[in-house]
Amino acid sequence: MAIDTQTVKRIAFLARLKIDDDKIEAAKDEFNKIIDWVEQLNEVDTENVRPLTAVNETKLFCRKDEVKEGNQSDKILYNAPAAEYDYFVVPKVVE
């Protein structure tokens, strides 16, 4: 499968990329190199290879949820620039 100029423009449009007209040929060459590399990967025999679900097969250690210390809102909010009703006060970011 070869990538042509129209395909490069279509991919750029879908990906919301601005590719200048003088760079389309270079992008086309890069896309074709990527497609060739993927086709080389498809030639690798993976018939007897077990699918990899994780890099290492160890199980994660899960600890019990235990409350160590609670009701520390005064200590937590002590260094806050502004606090109100036991919450941090932050600048409005949504209009």
PDB file of N, CA and C in Angstrom:
ATOM      1  N   MET A   1       0.842  -1.173   0.000  1.00  0.00           N
ATOM      2  CA  MET A   1       0.000   0.000   0.000  1.00  0.00           C
ATOM      3  C   MET A   1       0.892   1.243   0.000  1.00  0.00           C
ATOM      4  N   ALA A   2       0.737   2.071  -0.964  1.00  0.00           N
ATOM      5  CA  ALA A   2       1.532   3.292  -1.058  1.00  0.00           C
ATOM      6  C   ALA A   2       0.657   4.497  -0.734  1.00  0.00           C
ATOM      7  N   ILE A   3       1.241   5.436  -0.036  1.00  0.00           N
ATOM      8  CA  ILE A   3       0.551   6.669   0.326  1.00  0.00           C
ATOM      9  C   ILE A   3       0.803   7.696  -0.777  1.00  0.00           C
ATOM     10  N   ASP A   4      -0.278   8.306  -1.287  1.00  0.00           N
ATOM     11  CA  ASP A   4      -0.113   9.340  -2.308  1.00  0.00           C
ATOM     12  C   ASP A   4      -0.363  10.723  -1.693  1.00  0.00           C
ATOM     13  N   THR A   5      -0.245  11.748  -2.497  1.00  0.00           N
ATOM     14  CA  THR A   5      -0.372  13.126  -2.019  1.00  0.00           C
ATOM     15  C   THR A   5      -1.764  13.397  -1.450  1.00  0.00           C
ATOM     16  N   GLN A   6      -2.789  12.889  -2.112  1.00  0.00           N
ATOM     17  CA  GLN A   6      -4.154  13.101  -1.619  1.00  0.00           C
ATOM     18  C   GLN A   6      -4.358  12.448  -0.254  1.00  0.00           C
ATOM     19  N   THR A   7      -3.769  11.279  -0.057  1.00  0.00           N
ATOM     20  CA  THR A   7      -3.893  10.598   1.229  1.00  0.00           C
ATOM     21  C   THR A   7      -3.186  11.386   2.321  1.00  0.00           C
ATOM     22  N   VAL A   8      -2.038  11.957   2.019  1.00  0.00           N
ATOM     23  CA  VAL A   8      -1.325  12.786   2.991  1.00  0.00           C
ATOM     24  C   VAL A   8      -2.188  13.971   3.393  1.00  0.00           C
ATOM     25  N   LYS A   9      -2.802  14.613   2.418  1.00  0.00           N
ATOM     26  CA  LYS A   9      -3.671  15.752   2.721  1.00  0.00           C
ATOM     27  C   LYS A   9      -4.878  15.329   3.557  1.00  0.00           C
ATOM     28  N   ARG A  10      -5.423  14.166   3.254  1.00  0.00           N
ATOM     29  CA  ARG A  10      -6.584  13.654   4.002  1.00  0.00           C
ATOM     30  C   ARG A  10      -6.193  13.335   5.445  1.00  0.00           C
ATOM     31  N   ILE A  11      -5.050  12.686   5.629  1.00  0.00           N
ATOM     32  CA  ILE A  11      -4.566  12.369   6.974  1.00  0.00           C
ATOM     33  C   ILE A  11      -4.298  13.654   7.754  1.00  0.00           C
ATOM     34  N   ALA A  12      -3.693  14.624   7.111  1.00  0.00           N
ATOM     35  CA  ALA A  12      -3.425  15.903   7.764  1.00  0.00           C
ATOM     36  C   ALA A  12      -4.727  16.581   8.182  1.00  0.00           C
ATOM     37  N   PHE A  13      -5.732  16.528   7.321  1.00  0.00           N
ATOM     38  CA  PHE A  13      -7.025  17.123   7.651  1.00  0.00           C
ATOM     39  C   PHE A  13      -7.666  16.419   8.842  1.00  0.00           C
ATOM     40  N   LEU A  14      -7.678  15.096   8.817  1.00  0.00           N
ATOM     41  CA  LEU A  14      -8.296  14.330   9.906  1.00  0.00           C
ATOM     42  C   LEU A  14      -7.565  14.504  11.227  1.00  0.00           C
ATOM     43  N   ALA A  15      -6.241  14.653  11.158  1.00  0.00           N
ATOM     44  CA  ALA A  15      -5.433  14.825  12.368  1.00  0.00           C
ATOM     45  C   ALA A  15      -5.307  16.287  12.771  1.00  0.00           C
ATOM     46  N   ARG A  16      -5.958  17.146  12.020  1.00  0.00           N
ATOM     47  CA  ARG A  16      -5.901  18.585  12.285  1.00  0.00           C
ATOM     48  C   ARG A  16      -4.467  19.113  12.282  1.00  0.00           C
ATOM     49  N   LEU A  17      -3.697  18.649  11.291  1.00  0.00           N
ATOM     50  CA  LEU A  17      -2.313  19.087  11.126  1.00  0.00           C
ATOM     51  C   LEU A  17      -2.230  20.018   9.931  1.00  0.00           C
ATOM     52  N   LYS A  18      -1.385  20.996  10.039  1.00  0.00           N
ATOM     53  CA  LYS A  18      -1.151  21.899   8.909  1.00  0.00           C
ATOM     54  C   LYS A  18       0.189  21.512   8.294  1.00  0.00           C
ATOM     55  N   ILE A  19       0.129  20.947   7.119  1.00  0.00           N
ATOM     56  CA  ILE A  19       1.342  20.580   6.391  1.00  0.00           C
ATOM     57  C   ILE A  19       1.440  21.498   5.182  1.00  0.00           C
ATOM     58  N   ASP A  20       2.507  22.262   5.123  1.00  0.00           N
ATOM     59  CA  ASP A  20       2.711  23.169   3.995  1.00  0.00           C
ATOM     60  C   ASP A  20       2.875  22.373   2.707  1.00  0.00           C
ATOM     61  N   ASP A  21       2.511  23.002   1.592  1.00  0.00           N
ATOM     62  CA  ASP A  21       2.577  22.323   0.295  1.00  0.00           C
ATOM     63  C   ASP A  21       3.986  21.856  -0.046  1.00  0.00           C
ATOM     64  N   ASP A  22       4.992  22.602   0.389  1.00  0.00           N
ATOM     65  CA  ASP A  22       6.360  22.201   0.081  1.00  0.00           C
ATOM     66  C   ASP A  22       6.852  21.051   0.964  1.00  0.00           C
ATOM     67  N   LYS A  23       6.086  20.694   1.965  1.00  0.00           N
ATOM     68  CA  LYS A  23       6.482  19.595   2.858  1.00  0.00           C
ATOM     69  C   LYS A  23       5.660  18.324   2.640  1.00  0.00           C
ATOM     70  N   ILE A  24       4.707  18.372   1.722  1.00  0.00           N
ATOM     71  CA  ILE A  24       3.845  17.209   1.490  1.00  0.00           C
ATOM     72  C   ILE A  24       4.639  16.028   0.942  1.00  0.00           C
ATOM     73  N   GLU A  25       5.564  16.286   0.040  1.00  0.00           N
ATOM     74  CA  GLU A  25       6.374  15.192  -0.522  1.00  0.00           C
ATOM     75  C   GLU A  25       7.205  14.510   0.568  1.00  0.00           C
ATOM     76  N   ALA A  26       7.782  15.297   1.474  1.00  0.00           N
ATOM     77  CA  ALA A  26       8.572  14.720   2.570  1.00  0.00           C
ATOM     78  C   ALA A  26       7.675  13.908   3.493  1.00  0.00           C
ATOM     79  N   ALA A  27       6.474  14.410   3.768  1.00  0.00           N
ATOM     80  CA  ALA A  27       5.530  13.675   4.622  1.00  0.00           C
ATOM     81  C   ALA A  27       5.102  12.380   3.939  1.00  0.00           C
ATOM     82  N   LYS A  28       4.890  12.447   2.626  1.00  0.00           N
ATOM     83  CA  LYS A  28       4.516  11.246   1.874  1.00  0.00           C
ATOM     84  C   LYS A  28       5.614  10.187   1.968  1.00  0.00           C
ATOM     85  N   ASP A  29       6.863  10.605   1.823  1.00  0.00           N
ATOM     86  CA  ASP A  29       7.978   9.668   1.944  1.00  0.00           C
ATOM     87  C   ASP A  29       8.049   9.055   3.343  1.00  0.00           C
ATOM     88  N   GLU A  30       7.847   9.881   4.370  1.00  0.00           N
ATOM     89  CA  GLU A  30       7.875   9.376   5.755  1.00  0.00           C
ATOM     90  C   GLU A  30       6.741   8.388   5.991  1.00  0.00           C
ATOM     91  N   PHE A  31       5.534   8.712   5.528  1.00  0.00           N
ATOM     92  CA  PHE A  31       4.402   7.790   5.680  1.00  0.00           C
ATOM     93  C   PHE A  31       4.677   6.466   4.988  1.00  0.00           C
ATOM     94  N   ASN A  32       5.253   6.525   3.783  1.00  0.00           N
ATOM     95  CA  ASN A  32       5.564   5.291   3.059  1.00  0.00           C
ATOM     96  C   ASN A  32       6.621   4.463   3.786  1.00  0.00           C
ATOM     97  N   LYS A  33       7.589   5.114   4.412  1.00  0.00           N
ATOM     98  CA  LYS A  33       8.588   4.386   5.202  1.00  0.00           C
ATOM     99  C   LYS A  33       7.927   3.687   6.387  1.00  0.00           C
ATOM    100  N   ILE A  34       6.984   4.379   7.019  1.00  0.00           N
ATOM    101  CA  ILE A  34       6.266   3.781   8.161  1.00  0.00           C
ATOM    102  C   ILE A  34       5.457   2.578   7.701  1.00  0.00           C
ATOM    103  N   ILE A  35       4.749   2.705   6.587  1.00  0.00           N
ATOM    104  CA  ILE A  35       3.957   1.586   6.052  1.00  0.00           C
ATOM    105  C   ILE A  35       4.864   0.419   5.700  1.00  0.00           C
ATOM    106  N   ASP A  36       6.019   0.678   5.095  1.00  0.00           N
ATOM    107  CA  ASP A  36       6.965  -0.396   4.773  1.00  0.00           C
ATOM    108  C   ASP A  36       7.447  -1.097   6.037  1.00  0.00           C
ATOM    109  N   TRP A  37       7.710  -0.336   7.080  1.00  0.00           N
ATOM    110  CA  TRP A  37       8.178  -0.928   8.343  1.00  0.00           C
ATOM    111  C   TRP A  37       7.090  -1.815   8.954  1.00  0.00           C
ATOM    112  N   VAL A  38       5.844  -1.368   8.908  1.00  0.00           N
ATOM    113  CA  VAL A  38       4.732  -2.166   9.436  1.00  0.00           C
ATOM    114  C   VAL A  38       4.579  -3.450   8.613  1.00  0.00           C
ATOM    115  N   GLU A  39       4.755  -3.351   7.307  1.00  0.00           N
ATOM    116  CA  GLU A  39       4.668  -4.549   6.472  1.00  0.00           C
ATOM    117  C   GLU A  39       5.790  -5.531   6.796  1.00  0.00           C
ATOM    118  N   GLN A  40       6.980  -5.020   7.136  1.00  0.00           N
ATOM    119  CA  GLN A  40       8.066  -5.900   7.580  1.00  0.00           C
ATOM    120  C   GLN A  40       7.685  -6.600   8.887  1.00  0.00           C
ATOM    121  N   LEU A  41       7.045  -5.891   9.782  1.00  0.00           N
ATOM    122  CA  LEU A  41       6.614  -6.509  11.044  1.00  0.00           C
ATOM    123  C   LEU A  41       5.589  -7.608  10.800  1.00  0.00           C
ATOM    124  N   ASN A  42       4.737  -7.428   9.799  1.00  0.00           N
ATOM    125  CA  ASN A  42       3.732  -8.443   9.487  1.00  0.00           C
ATOM    126  C   ASN A  42       4.360  -9.729   8.970  1.00  0.00           C
ATOM    127  N   GLU A  43       5.596  -9.670   8.461  1.00  0.00           N
ATOM    128  CA  GLU A  43       6.276 -10.858   7.954  1.00  0.00           C
ATOM    129  C   GLU A  43       6.877 -11.723   9.063  1.00  0.00           C
ATOM    130  N   VAL A  44       6.959 -11.195  10.274  1.00  0.00           N
ATOM    131  CA  VAL A  44       7.554 -11.943  11.388  1.00  0.00           C
ATOM    132  C   VAL A  44       6.615 -13.077  11.787  1.00  0.00           C
ATOM    133  N   ASP A  45       7.188 -14.277  11.936  1.00  0.00           N
ATOM    134  CA  ASP A  45       6.406 -15.440  12.328  1.00  0.00           C
ATOM    135  C   ASP A  45       6.147 -15.394  13.837  1.00  0.00           C
ATOM    136  N   THR A  46       4.887 -15.218  14.205  1.00  0.00           N
ATOM    137  CA  THR A  46       4.506 -15.175  15.623  1.00  0.00           C
ATOM    138  C   THR A  46       3.540 -16.307  15.958  1.00  0.00           C
ATOM    139  N   GLU A  47       3.597 -17.377  15.200  1.00  0.00           N
ATOM    140  CA  GLU A  47       2.653 -18.481  15.365  1.00  0.00           C
ATOM    141  C   GLU A  47       2.729 -19.101  16.757  1.00  0.00           C
ATOM    142  N   ASN A  48       3.924 -19.357  17.255  1.00  0.00           N
ATOM    143  CA  ASN A  48       4.067 -20.045  18.544  1.00  0.00           C
ATOM    144  C   ASN A  48       4.438 -19.091  19.685  1.00  0.00           C
ATOM    145  N   VAL A  49       4.149 -17.819  19.523  1.00  0.00           N
ATOM    146  CA  VAL A  49       4.464 -16.836  20.554  1.00  0.00           C
ATOM    147  C   VAL A  49       3.196 -16.519  21.327  1.00  0.00           C
ATOM    148  N   ARG A  50       3.295 -16.683  22.646  1.00  0.00           N
ATOM    149  CA  ARG A  50       2.147 -16.407  23.499  1.00  0.00           C
ATOM    150  C   ARG A  50       1.930 -14.890  23.572  1.00  0.00           C
ATOM    151  N   PRO A  51       0.673 -14.428  23.452  1.00  0.00           N
ATOM    152  CA  PRO A  51       0.414 -12.985  23.530  1.00  0.00           C
ATOM    153  C   PRO A  51       0.871 -12.416  24.874  1.00  0.00           C
ATOM    154  N   LEU A  52       1.443 -11.240  24.825  1.00  0.00           N
ATOM    155  CA  LEU A  52       1.958 -10.584  26.017  1.00  0.00           C
ATOM    156  C   LEU A  52       0.871  -9.700  26.610  1.00  0.00           C
ATOM    157  N   THR A  53       0.502  -9.986  27.851  1.00  0.00           N
ATOM    158  CA  THR A  53      -0.498  -9.160  28.512  1.00  0.00           C
ATOM    159  C   THR A  53       0.132  -8.150  29.444  1.00  0.00           C
ATOM    160  N   ALA A  54       1.354  -8.412  29.875  1.00  0.00           N
ATOM    161  CA  ALA A  54       2.077  -7.486  30.744  1.00  0.00           C
ATOM    162  C   ALA A  54       3.564  -7.723  30.554  1.00  0.00           C
ATOM    163  N   VAL A  55       4.350  -6.727  30.863  1.00  0.00           N
ATOM    164  CA  VAL A  55       5.793  -6.857  30.711  1.00  0.00           C
ATOM    165  C   VAL A  55       6.339  -7.859  31.721  1.00  0.00           C
ATOM    166  N   ASN A  56       5.871  -7.775  32.936  1.00  0.00           N
ATOM    167  CA  ASN A  56       6.269  -8.765  33.936  1.00  0.00           C
ATOM    168  C   ASN A  56       5.015  -9.433  34.481  1.00  0.00           C
ATOM    169  N   GLU A  57       5.144 -10.657  34.833  1.00  0.00           N
ATOM    170  CA  GLU A  57       3.995 -11.458  35.246  1.00  0.00           C
ATOM    171  C   GLU A  57       3.757 -11.436  36.750  1.00  0.00           C
ATOM    172  N   THR A  58       4.313 -10.474  37.454  1.00  0.00           N
ATOM    173  CA  THR A  58       4.122 -10.426  38.902  1.00  0.00           C
ATOM    174  C   THR A  58       2.758  -9.839  39.238  1.00  0.00           C
ATOM    175  N   LYS A  59       2.244 -10.256  40.370  1.00  0.00           N
ATOM    176  CA  LYS A  59       0.973  -9.739  40.856  1.00  0.00           C
ATOM    177  C   LYS A  59       1.242  -8.513  41.714  1.00  0.00           C
ATOM    178  N   LEU A  60       0.378  -7.552  41.632  1.00  0.00           N
ATOM    179  CA  LEU A  60       0.525  -6.359  42.440  1.00  0.00           C
ATOM    180  C   LEU A  60       0.118  -6.649  43.880  1.00  0.00           C
ATOM    181  N   PHE A  61       0.885  -6.102  44.792  1.00  0.00           N
ATOM    182  CA  PHE A  61       0.574  -6.246  46.198  1.00  0.00           C
ATOM    183  C   PHE A  61      -0.507  -5.234  46.565  1.00  0.00           C
ATOM    184  N   CYS A  62      -1.605  -5.703  47.081  1.00  0.00           N
ATOM    185  CA  CYS A  62      -2.683  -4.818  47.491  1.00  0.00           C
ATOM    186  C   CYS A  62      -2.724  -4.756  49.010  1.00  0.00           C
ATOM    187  N   ARG A  63      -2.725  -3.563  49.534  1.00  0.00           N
ATOM    188  CA  ARG A  63      -2.802  -3.401  50.980  1.00  0.00           C
ATOM    189  C   ARG A  63      -4.241  -3.104  51.373  1.00  0.00           C
ATOM    190  N   LYS A  64      -4.556  -3.349  52.615  1.00  0.00           N
ATOM    191  CA  LYS A  64      -5.885  -3.051  53.114  1.00  0.00           C
ATOM    192  C   LYS A  64      -6.042  -1.547  53.256  1.00  0.00           C
ATOM    193  N   ASP A  65      -7.230  -1.069  52.988  1.00  0.00           N
ATOM    194  CA  ASP A  65      -7.517   0.338  53.223  1.00  0.00           C
ATOM    195  C   ASP A  65      -7.746   0.535  54.710  1.00  0.00           C
ATOM    196  N   GLU A  66      -6.878   1.297  55.307  1.00  0.00           N
ATOM    197  CA  GLU A  66      -7.010   1.592  56.723  1.00  0.00           C
ATOM    198  C   GLU A  66      -6.862   3.095  56.924  1.00  0.00           C
ATOM    199  N   VAL A  67      -7.731   3.659  57.718  1.00  0.00           N
ATOM    200  CA  VAL A  67      -7.627   5.075  58.032  1.00  0.00           C
ATOM    201  C   VAL A  67      -6.557   5.219  59.095  1.00  0.00           C
ATOM    202  N   LYS A  68      -5.505   5.938  58.762  1.00  0.00           N
ATOM    203  CA  LYS A  68      -4.402   6.135  59.709  1.00  0.00           C
ATOM    204  C   LYS A  68      -4.733   7.268  60.672  1.00  0.00           C
ATOM    205  N   GLU A  69      -4.948   8.441  60.090  1.00  0.00           N
ATOM    206  CA  GLU A  69      -5.296   9.606  60.878  1.00  0.00           C
ATOM    207  C   GLU A  69      -6.360  10.365  60.107  1.00  0.00           C
ATOM    208  N   GLY A  70      -7.391  10.780  60.779  1.00  0.00           N
ATOM    209  CA  GLY A  70      -8.455  11.495  60.102  1.00  0.00           C
ATOM    210  C   GLY A  70      -8.734  12.819  60.780  1.00  0.00           C
ATOM    211  N   ASN A  71      -9.691  13.522  60.217  1.00  0.00           N
ATOM    212  CA  ASN A  71     -10.131  14.800  60.760  1.00  0.00           C
ATOM    213  C   ASN A  71      -8.964  15.763  60.943  1.00  0.00           C
ATOM    214  N   GLN A  72      -8.156  15.959  59.898  1.00  0.00           N
ATOM    215  CA  GLN A  72      -7.017  16.865  59.983  1.00  0.00           C
ATOM    216  C   GLN A  72      -7.174  18.048  59.034  1.00  0.00           C
ATOM    217  N   SER A  73      -8.405  18.454  58.801  1.00  0.00           N
ATOM    218  CA  SER A  73      -8.614  19.538  57.847  1.00  0.00           C
ATOM    219  C   SER A  73      -7.934  20.821  58.298  1.00  0.00           C
ATOM    220  N   ASP A  74      -7.854  21.079  59.608  1.00  0.00           N
ATOM    221  CA  ASP A  74      -7.161  22.283  60.078  1.00  0.00           C
ATOM    222  C   ASP A  74      -5.685  22.248  59.699  1.00  0.00           C
ATOM    223  N   LYS A  75      -5.033  21.093  59.893  1.00  0.00           N
ATOM    224  CA  LYS A  75      -3.612  20.965  59.546  1.00  0.00           C
ATOM    225  C   LYS A  75      -3.404  21.049  58.037  1.00  0.00           C
ATOM    226  N   ILE A  76      -4.309  20.464  57.300  1.00  0.00           N
ATOM    227  CA  ILE A  76      -4.182  20.443  55.845  1.00  0.00           C
ATOM    228  C   ILE A  76      -4.357  21.848  55.275  1.00  0.00           C
ATOM    229  N   LEU A  77      -5.322  22.596  55.772  1.00  0.00           N
ATOM    230  CA  LEU A  77      -5.623  23.916  55.240  1.00  0.00           C
ATOM    231  C   LEU A  77      -4.789  25.019  55.869  1.00  0.00           C
ATOM    232  N   TYR A  78      -3.906  24.705  56.797  1.00  0.00           N
ATOM    233  CA  TYR A  78      -3.127  25.707  57.512  1.00  0.00           C
ATOM    234  C   TYR A  78      -2.287  26.567  56.565  1.00  0.00           C
ATOM    235  N   ASN A  79      -1.652  25.941  55.580  1.00  0.00           N
ATOM    236  CA  ASN A  79      -0.781  26.678  54.651  1.00  0.00           C
ATOM    237  C   ASN A  79      -1.496  27.109  53.368  1.00  0.00           C
ATOM    238  N   ALA A  80      -2.791  26.860  53.268  1.00  0.00           N
ATOM    239  CA  ALA A  80      -3.519  27.241  52.061  1.00  0.00           C
ATOM    240  C   ALA A  80      -3.632  28.766  51.978  1.00  0.00           C
ATOM    241  N   PRO A  81      -3.485  29.341  50.785  1.00  0.00           N
ATOM    242  CA  PRO A  81      -3.627  30.788  50.647  1.00  0.00           C
ATOM    243  C   PRO A  81      -5.030  31.261  51.044  1.00  0.00           C
ATOM    244  N   ALA A  82      -6.037  30.443  50.741  1.00  0.00           N
ATOM    245  CA  ALA A  82      -7.408  30.795  51.103  1.00  0.00           C
ATOM    246  C   ALA A  82      -8.200  29.511  51.323  1.00  0.00           C
ATOM    247  N   ALA A  83      -9.030  29.523  52.352  1.00  0.00           N
ATOM    248  CA  ALA A  83      -9.873  28.374  52.652  1.00  0.00           C
ATOM    249  C   ALA A  83     -11.228  28.867  53.122  1.00  0.00           C
ATOM    250  N   GLU A  84     -12.253  28.083  52.795  1.00  0.00           N
ATOM    251  CA  GLU A  84     -13.599  28.448  53.204  1.00  0.00           C
ATOM    252  C   GLU A  84     -14.412  27.176  53.375  1.00  0.00           C
ATOM    253  N   TYR A  85     -15.097  27.032  54.484  1.00  0.00           N
ATOM    254  CA  TYR A  85     -15.921  25.861  54.791  1.00  0.00           C
ATOM    255  C   TYR A  85     -15.123  24.566  54.674  1.00  0.00           C
ATOM    256  N   ASP A  86     -13.912  24.553  55.154  1.00  0.00           N
ATOM    257  CA  ASP A  86     -13.021  23.386  55.123  1.00  0.00           C
ATOM    258  C   ASP A  86     -12.648  22.937  53.706  1.00  0.00           C
ATOM    259  N   TYR A  87     -12.636  23.866  52.759  1.00  0.00           N
ATOM    260  CA  TYR A  87     -12.222  23.578  51.392  1.00  0.00           C
ATOM    261  C   TYR A  87     -11.180  24.599  50.949  1.00  0.00           C
ATOM    262  N   PHE A  88     -10.354  24.222  49.985  1.00  0.00           N
ATOM    263  CA  PHE A  88      -9.422  25.163  49.376  1.00  0.00           C
ATOM    264  C   PHE A  88     -10.217  26.138  48.496  1.00  0.00           C
ATOM    265  N   VAL A  89      -9.847  27.383  48.507  1.00  0.00           N
ATOM    266  CA  VAL A  89     -10.444  28.370  47.606  1.00  0.00           C
ATOM    267  C   VAL A  89      -9.441  28.607  46.486  1.00  0.00           C
ATOM    268  N   VAL A  90      -9.910  28.402  45.253  1.00  0.00           N
ATOM    269  CA  VAL A  90      -9.050  28.553  44.091  1.00  0.00           C
ATOM    270  C   VAL A  90      -9.692  29.530  43.127  1.00  0.00           C
ATOM    271  N   PRO A  91      -8.893  30.127  42.234  1.00  0.00           N
ATOM    272  CA  PRO A  91      -9.477  31.061  41.258  1.00  0.00           C
ATOM    273  C   PRO A  91     -10.416  30.349  40.304  1.00  0.00           C
ATOM    274  N   LYS A  92     -11.433  31.060  39.873  1.00  0.00           N
ATOM    275  CA  LYS A  92     -12.388  30.526  38.912  1.00  0.00           C
ATOM    276  C   LYS A  92     -11.693  30.359  37.566  1.00  0.00           C
ATOM    277  N   VAL A  93     -11.823  29.177  36.955  1.00  0.00           N
ATOM    278  CA  VAL A  93     -11.173  28.924  35.673  1.00  0.00           C
ATOM    279  C   VAL A  93     -12.175  28.693  34.552  1.00  0.00           C
ATOM    280  N   VAL A  94     -13.450  28.566  34.876  1.00  0.00           N
ATOM    281  CA  VAL A  94     -14.489  28.341  33.874  1.00  0.00           C
ATOM    282  C   VAL A  94     -15.430  29.528  33.898  1.00  0.00           C
ATOM    283  N   GLU A  95     -15.735  30.044  32.722  1.00  0.00           N
ATOM    284  CA  GLU A  95     -16.646  31.181  32.668  1.00  0.00           C
ATOM    285  C   GLU A  95     -18.044  30.733  32.328  1.00  0.00           C
TER     286      GLU A  95
END
